[in-house]
Amino acid sequence: MQSFYPSQIIEYLYCPRYTYFEYVLRIPQNEVKYFKVERGREIHDEKLERNKEYLRKKIGVTRKWTDMYLGNDYLRGKVDEVLELEDGSYAPLDYKFALWKDRIFETYAQQLYCYAILIEDTYNKPVNKGFLVYTRSRNKLVEVPIDENAKSKVRQSTGEMLKIIDGNKFPKATKFKKRCLNCTYRNICTK
């Protein structure tokens, strides 16, 4: 069975045609490794080595696991940290090489929603929130609520992605035409 990384769910939500081009037509994205992505990976590795306990005390962590690669029938991904909290629930924590700009970007939230499902399926514990650490804002810690509706939308998205792939279905493009300007498939996509 086909399983997806959170980044692929995010791409689908950005525009369903990503799924079609990548999985049905098998046209790879010509992605450039941006500095921020590479630097983010370096910061992530550094954070794992330093200050391992400083944030966790703030949020009542009783146990943690780092760099956990998790998967189920339809999702897979590596969670920076899986946290067990004092109330018995679990939570994902993800480091971002980014500045805190007083709002949570939808892509970051979607990633945590995917991780929440993976953690629930793996550990059989409830996940009601996740955490983001903005390393370029002095490690600002931000709590992100995760409700059943958010997790349900992720499951629904994976089902719709499978329909595109299995049915060789060319989906409608996003209704947000500004997104087409930066799309890696803009030169081959019919508008």
C-alpha atoms as a PDB file:
ATOM      1  CA  MET A   1       0.000   0.000   0.000  1.00  0.00           C
ATOM      2  CA  GLN A   2       1.142   3.524  -0.781  1.00  0.00           C
ATOM      3  CA  SER A   3       2.149   5.662   2.187  1.00  0.00           C
ATOM      4  CA  PHE A   4       3.000   9.339   2.161  1.00  0.00           C
ATOM      5  CA  TYR A   5       5.410  11.658   3.915  1.00  0.00           C
ATOM      6  CA  PRO A   6       3.939  14.771   5.546  1.00  0.00           C
ATOM      7  CA  SER A   7       5.613  16.892   2.850  1.00  0.00           C
ATOM      8  CA  GLN A   8       3.624  15.019   0.197  1.00  0.00           C
ATOM      9  CA  ILE A   9       0.370  15.661   2.086  1.00  0.00           C
ATOM     10  CA  ILE A  10       1.315  19.344   2.267  1.00  0.00           C
ATOM     11  CA  GLU A  11       1.997  19.410  -1.472  1.00  0.00           C
ATOM     12  CA  TYR A  12      -1.363  17.774  -2.163  1.00  0.00           C
ATOM     13  CA  LEU A  13      -3.122  20.373  -0.020  1.00  0.00           C
ATOM     14  CA  TYR A  14      -1.215  23.106  -1.854  1.00  0.00           C
ATOM     15  CA  CYS A  15      -2.454  21.711  -5.166  1.00  0.00           C
ATOM     16  CA  PRO A  16      -3.779  18.169  -5.880  1.00  0.00           C
ATOM     17  CA  ARG A  17      -1.934  18.122  -9.178  1.00  0.00           C
ATOM     18  CA  TYR A  18       1.354  17.620  -7.345  1.00  0.00           C
ATOM     19  CA  THR A  19       0.184  14.092  -6.590  1.00  0.00           C
ATOM     20  CA  TYR A  20      -0.783  13.493 -10.208  1.00  0.00           C
ATOM     21  CA  PHE A  21       2.497  14.722 -11.683  1.00  0.00           C
ATOM     22  CA  GLU A  22       4.669  12.989  -9.121  1.00  0.00           C
ATOM     23  CA  TYR A  23       2.907   9.628  -8.757  1.00  0.00           C
ATOM     24  CA  VAL A  24       0.831   9.076 -11.900  1.00  0.00           C
ATOM     25  CA  LEU A  25       3.099  10.634 -14.521  1.00  0.00           C
ATOM     26  CA  ARG A  26       6.225  10.001 -12.387  1.00  0.00           C
ATOM     27  CA  ILE A  27       7.728  13.377 -13.183  1.00  0.00           C
ATOM     28  CA  PRO A  28      10.145  14.232 -10.385  1.00  0.00           C
ATOM     29  CA  GLN A  29      10.249  17.700  -8.988  1.00  0.00           C
ATOM     30  CA  ASN A  30      13.370  19.626  -9.778  1.00  0.00           C
ATOM     31  CA  GLU A  31      13.790  20.763  -6.259  1.00  0.00           C
ATOM     32  CA  VAL A  32      16.699  22.904  -5.310  1.00  0.00           C
ATOM     33  CA  LYS A  33      18.112  22.316  -1.865  1.00  0.00           C
ATOM     34  CA  TYR A  34      17.529  25.682  -0.366  1.00  0.00           C
ATOM     35  CA  PHE A  35      19.918  27.049   2.182  1.00  0.00           C
ATOM     36  CA  LYS A  36      17.214  27.151   4.865  1.00  0.00           C
ATOM     37  CA  VAL A  37      16.425  23.466   4.435  1.00  0.00           C
ATOM     38  CA  GLU A  38      20.063  22.485   4.648  1.00  0.00           C
ATOM     39  CA  ARG A  39      20.728  24.822   7.544  1.00  0.00           C
ATOM     40  CA  GLY A  40      17.630  23.523   9.289  1.00  0.00           C
ATOM     41  CA  ARG A  41      19.005  20.012   9.146  1.00  0.00           C
ATOM     42  CA  GLU A  42      22.293  21.179  10.633  1.00  0.00           C
ATOM     43  CA  ILE A  43      20.507  23.053  13.410  1.00  0.00           C
ATOM     44  CA  HIS A  44      18.410  20.003  14.079  1.00  0.00           C
ATOM     45  CA  ASP A  45      21.487  17.871  14.530  1.00  0.00           C
ATOM     46  CA  GLU A  46      23.097  20.473  16.753  1.00  0.00           C
ATOM     47  CA  LYS A  47      19.999  20.721  18.910  1.00  0.00           C
ATOM     48  CA  LEU A  48      19.995  17.017  19.462  1.00  0.00           C
ATOM     49  CA  GLU A  49      23.428  17.283  20.968  1.00  0.00           C
ATOM     50  CA  ARG A  50      22.933  20.448  23.059  1.00  0.00           C
ATOM     51  CA  ASN A  51      20.378  21.596  25.558  1.00  0.00           C
ATOM     52  CA  LYS A  52      18.531  18.343  25.529  1.00  0.00           C
ATOM     53  CA  GLU A  53      16.384  19.063  28.557  1.00  0.00           C
ATOM     54  CA  TYR A  54      15.872  22.823  28.583  1.00  0.00           C
ATOM     55  CA  LEU A  55      12.553  22.974  26.713  1.00  0.00           C
ATOM     56  CA  ARG A  56      11.084  19.769  27.960  1.00  0.00           C
ATOM     57  CA  LYS A  57      10.985  20.912  31.560  1.00  0.00           C
ATOM     58  CA  LYS A  58       8.811  23.830  30.504  1.00  0.00           C
ATOM     59  CA  ILE A  59       6.092  21.595  29.098  1.00  0.00           C
ATOM     60  CA  GLY A  60       6.045  18.755  31.601  1.00  0.00           C
ATOM     61  CA  VAL A  61       7.753  16.006  29.669  1.00  0.00           C
ATOM     62  CA  THR A  62       8.161  12.729  31.513  1.00  0.00           C
ATOM     63  CA  ARG A  63       9.824  10.795  28.675  1.00  0.00           C
ATOM     64  CA  LYS A  64      11.028  11.463  25.175  1.00  0.00           C
ATOM     65  CA  TRP A  65      12.283   9.685  22.099  1.00  0.00           C
ATOM     66  CA  THR A  66      14.345  11.464  19.430  1.00  0.00           C
ATOM     67  CA  ASP A  67      14.483  11.004  15.669  1.00  0.00           C
ATOM     68  CA  MET A  68      11.705   8.449  15.593  1.00  0.00           C
ATOM     69  CA  TYR A  69      10.892   7.046  12.160  1.00  0.00           C
ATOM     70  CA  LEU A  70       7.237   6.051  12.307  1.00  0.00           C
ATOM     71  CA  GLY A  71       4.832   4.637   9.767  1.00  0.00           C
ATOM     72  CA  ASN A  72       1.392   3.137   9.276  1.00  0.00           C
ATOM     73  CA  ASP A  73      -0.591   1.998   6.232  1.00  0.00           C
ATOM     74  CA  TYR A  74      -0.819   5.482   4.707  1.00  0.00           C
ATOM     75  CA  LEU A  75       1.726   7.765   6.421  1.00  0.00           C
ATOM     76  CA  ARG A  76       5.406   7.714   7.286  1.00  0.00           C
ATOM     77  CA  GLY A  77       7.917  10.188   8.591  1.00  0.00           C
ATOM     78  CA  LYS A  78      10.658  10.988  11.046  1.00  0.00           C
ATOM     79  CA  VAL A  79       9.557  12.909  14.113  1.00  0.00           C
ATOM     80  CA  ASP A  80      12.241  15.068  15.738  1.00  0.00           C
ATOM     81  CA  GLU A  81      10.944  14.202  19.199  1.00  0.00           C
ATOM     82  CA  VAL A  82       8.055  12.165  20.574  1.00  0.00           C
ATOM     83  CA  LEU A  83       7.164  13.428  24.032  1.00  0.00           C
ATOM     84  CA  GLU A  84       5.247  11.728  26.815  1.00  0.00           C
ATOM     85  CA  LEU A  85       3.539  14.420  28.904  1.00  0.00           C
ATOM     86  CA  GLU A  86       2.572  14.454  32.570  1.00  0.00           C
ATOM     87  CA  ASP A  87      -1.122  13.870  31.750  1.00  0.00           C
ATOM     88  CA  GLY A  88      -0.290  10.612  29.937  1.00  0.00           C
ATOM     89  CA  SER A  89      -0.819  12.022  26.466  1.00  0.00           C
ATOM     90  CA  TYR A  90       1.911  12.175  23.834  1.00  0.00           C
ATOM     91  CA  ALA A  91       3.012  15.039  21.581  1.00  0.00           C
ATOM     92  CA  PRO A  92       5.317  15.603  18.606  1.00  0.00           C
ATOM     93  CA  LEU A  93       8.004  18.278  18.835  1.00  0.00           C
ATOM     94  CA  ASP A  94       9.547  19.646  15.647  1.00  0.00           C
ATOM     95  CA  TYR A  95      12.490  22.035  15.264  1.00  0.00           C
ATOM     96  CA  LYS A  96      12.218  24.754  12.614  1.00  0.00           C
ATOM     97  CA  PHE A  97      15.119  26.799  11.310  1.00  0.00           C
ATOM     98  CA  ALA A  98      12.816  29.794  11.101  1.00  0.00           C
ATOM     99  CA  LEU A  99      11.857  33.008  12.812  1.00  0.00           C
ATOM    100  CA  TRP A 100       8.664  33.143  14.833  1.00  0.00           C
ATOM    101  CA  LYS A 101       6.324  35.551  13.012  1.00  0.00           C
ATOM    102  CA  ASP A 102       3.393  35.532  15.401  1.00  0.00           C
ATOM    103  CA  ARG A 103       1.509  32.912  13.459  1.00  0.00           C
ATOM    104  CA  ILE A 104       1.766  29.220  12.743  1.00  0.00           C
ATOM    105  CA  PHE A 105       2.152  28.430   9.076  1.00  0.00           C
ATOM    106  CA  GLU A 106      -0.305  25.856   7.818  1.00  0.00           C
ATOM    107  CA  THR A 107       2.507  23.664   6.497  1.00  0.00           C
ATOM    108  CA  TYR A 108       4.030  23.396   9.965  1.00  0.00           C
ATOM    109  CA  ALA A 109       0.654  22.565  11.498  1.00  0.00           C
ATOM    110  CA  GLN A 110      -0.069  19.918   8.849  1.00  0.00           C
ATOM    111  CA  GLN A 111       3.239  18.264   9.582  1.00  0.00           C
ATOM    112  CA  LEU A 112       2.374  18.050  13.279  1.00  0.00           C
ATOM    113  CA  TYR A 113      -1.089  16.646  12.443  1.00  0.00           C
ATOM    114  CA  CYS A 114       0.571  13.864  10.433  1.00  0.00           C
ATOM    115  CA  TYR A 115       2.974  13.146  13.259  1.00  0.00           C
ATOM    116  CA  ALA A 116       0.089  13.059  15.746  1.00  0.00           C
ATOM    117  CA  ILE A 117      -1.579  10.272  13.757  1.00  0.00           C
ATOM    118  CA  LEU A 118       1.667   8.323  13.528  1.00  0.00           C
ATOM    119  CA  ILE A 119       2.292   8.664  17.261  1.00  0.00           C
ATOM    120  CA  GLU A 120      -1.250   7.598  18.158  1.00  0.00           C
ATOM    121  CA  ASP A 121      -1.010   4.559  15.896  1.00  0.00           C
ATOM    122  CA  THR A 122       2.439   3.585  17.160  1.00  0.00           C
ATOM    123  CA  TYR A 123       2.141   4.232  20.901  1.00  0.00           C
ATOM    124  CA  ASN A 124      -1.647   3.854  21.276  1.00  0.00           C
ATOM    125  CA  LYS A 125      -1.799   7.091  23.272  1.00  0.00           C
ATOM    126  CA  PRO A 126      -3.842  10.248  22.647  1.00  0.00           C
ATOM    127  CA  VAL A 127      -2.188  13.256  20.998  1.00  0.00           C
ATOM    128  CA  ASN A 128      -3.938  16.565  21.610  1.00  0.00           C
ATOM    129  CA  LYS A 129      -1.151  18.994  20.892  1.00  0.00           C
ATOM    130  CA  GLY A 130       2.257  19.371  19.357  1.00  0.00           C
ATOM    131  CA  PHE A 131       5.179  21.756  19.730  1.00  0.00           C
ATOM    132  CA  LEU A 132       7.283  23.808  17.349  1.00  0.00           C
ATOM    133  CA  VAL A 133      10.686  25.218  18.266  1.00  0.00           C
ATOM    134  CA  TYR A 134      11.753  28.249  16.198  1.00  0.00           C
ATOM    135  CA  THR A 135      15.523  28.083  16.381  1.00  0.00           C
ATOM    136  CA  ARG A 136      16.089  31.508  14.784  1.00  0.00           C
ATOM    137  CA  SER A 137      13.945  33.155  17.477  1.00  0.00           C
ATOM    138  CA  ARG A 138      16.033  32.034  20.416  1.00  0.00           C
ATOM    139  CA  ASN A 139      14.341  28.622  20.470  1.00  0.00           C
ATOM    140  CA  LYS A 140      10.847  30.006  20.948  1.00  0.00           C
ATOM    141  CA  LEU A 141       8.539  27.166  21.899  1.00  0.00           C
ATOM    142  CA  VAL A 142       4.996  27.309  20.451  1.00  0.00           C
ATOM    143  CA  GLU A 143       2.189  24.927  21.357  1.00  0.00           C
ATOM    144  CA  VAL A 144      -0.124  23.825  18.524  1.00  0.00           C
ATOM    145  CA  PRO A 145      -3.527  22.304  19.396  1.00  0.00           C
ATOM    146  CA  ILE A 146      -4.332  19.125  17.470  1.00  0.00           C
ATOM    147  CA  ASP A 147      -7.985  18.094  17.344  1.00  0.00           C
ATOM    148  CA  GLU A 148      -9.779  15.165  15.746  1.00  0.00           C
ATOM    149  CA  ASN A 149     -10.927  17.322  12.832  1.00  0.00           C
ATOM    150  CA  ALA A 150      -7.330  18.108  11.864  1.00  0.00           C
ATOM    151  CA  LYS A 151      -6.344  14.446  11.993  1.00  0.00           C
ATOM    152  CA  SER A 152      -9.454  13.480  10.033  1.00  0.00           C
ATOM    153  CA  LYS A 153      -8.513  15.908   7.239  1.00  0.00           C
ATOM    154  CA  VAL A 154      -5.091  14.273   6.944  1.00  0.00           C
ATOM    155  CA  ARG A 155      -6.710  10.839   6.623  1.00  0.00           C
ATOM    156  CA  GLN A 156      -9.151  12.211   4.056  1.00  0.00           C
ATOM    157  CA  SER A 157      -6.293  13.751   2.072  1.00  0.00           C
ATOM    158  CA  THR A 158      -4.394  10.460   1.884  1.00  0.00           C
ATOM    159  CA  GLY A 159      -7.565   8.758   0.624  1.00  0.00           C
ATOM    160  CA  GLU A 160      -8.001  11.401  -2.063  1.00  0.00           C
ATOM    161  CA  MET A 161      -4.336  11.076  -3.044  1.00  0.00           C
ATOM    162  CA  LEU A 162      -4.784   7.327  -3.478  1.00  0.00           C
ATOM    163  CA  LYS A 163      -7.834   7.924  -5.706  1.00  0.00           C
ATOM    164  CA  ILE A 164      -5.709  10.153  -7.950  1.00  0.00           C
ATOM    165  CA  ILE A 165      -2.940   7.556  -8.149  1.00  0.00           C
ATOM    166  CA  ASP A 166      -5.035   4.397  -8.439  1.00  0.00           C
ATOM    167  CA  GLY A 167      -7.569   5.977 -10.784  1.00  0.00           C
ATOM    168  CA  ASN A 168      -5.009   7.766 -12.952  1.00  0.00           C
ATOM    169  CA  LYS A 169      -7.178  10.818 -12.305  1.00  0.00           C
ATOM    170  CA  PHE A 170      -6.150  14.315 -13.376  1.00  0.00           C
ATOM    171  CA  PRO A 171      -7.492  16.500 -10.549  1.00  0.00           C
ATOM    172  CA  LYS A 172      -8.580  20.099 -10.657  1.00  0.00           C
ATOM    173  CA  ALA A 173      -5.827  22.568  -9.933  1.00  0.00           C
ATOM    174  CA  THR A 174      -5.855  24.691  -6.817  1.00  0.00           C
ATOM    175  CA  LYS A 175      -8.288  27.565  -6.911  1.00  0.00           C
ATOM    176  CA  PHE A 176      -5.520  29.834  -5.591  1.00  0.00           C
ATOM    177  CA  LYS A 177      -3.833  30.841  -8.849  1.00  0.00           C
ATOM    178  CA  LYS A 178      -1.010  32.684  -7.096  1.00  0.00           C
ATOM    179  CA  ARG A 179       0.300  29.295  -6.042  1.00  0.00           C
ATOM    180  CA  CYS A 180       0.950  28.410  -9.685  1.00  0.00           C
ATOM    181  CA  LEU A 181       3.642  31.069  -9.932  1.00  0.00           C
ATOM    182  CA  ASN A 182       6.070  29.143  -7.732  1.00  0.00           C
ATOM    183  CA  CYS A 183       5.005  25.621  -8.664  1.00  0.00           C
ATOM    184  CA  THR A 184       7.728  23.271  -9.898  1.00  0.00           C
ATOM    185  CA  TYR A 185       5.263  21.892 -12.488  1.00  0.00           C
ATOM    186  CA  ARG A 186       4.099  25.271 -13.841  1.00  0.00           C
ATOM    187  CA  ASN A 187       5.696  24.701 -17.258  1.00  0.00           C
ATOM    188  CA  ILE A 188       3.810  21.481 -17.957  1.00  0.00           C
ATOM    189  CA  CYS A 189       0.527  22.089 -16.141  1.00  0.00           C
ATOM    190  CA  THR A 190      -2.570  23.091 -18.083  1.00  0.00           C
ATOM    191  CA  LYS A 191      -4.338  25.963 -16.411  1.00  0.00           C
END
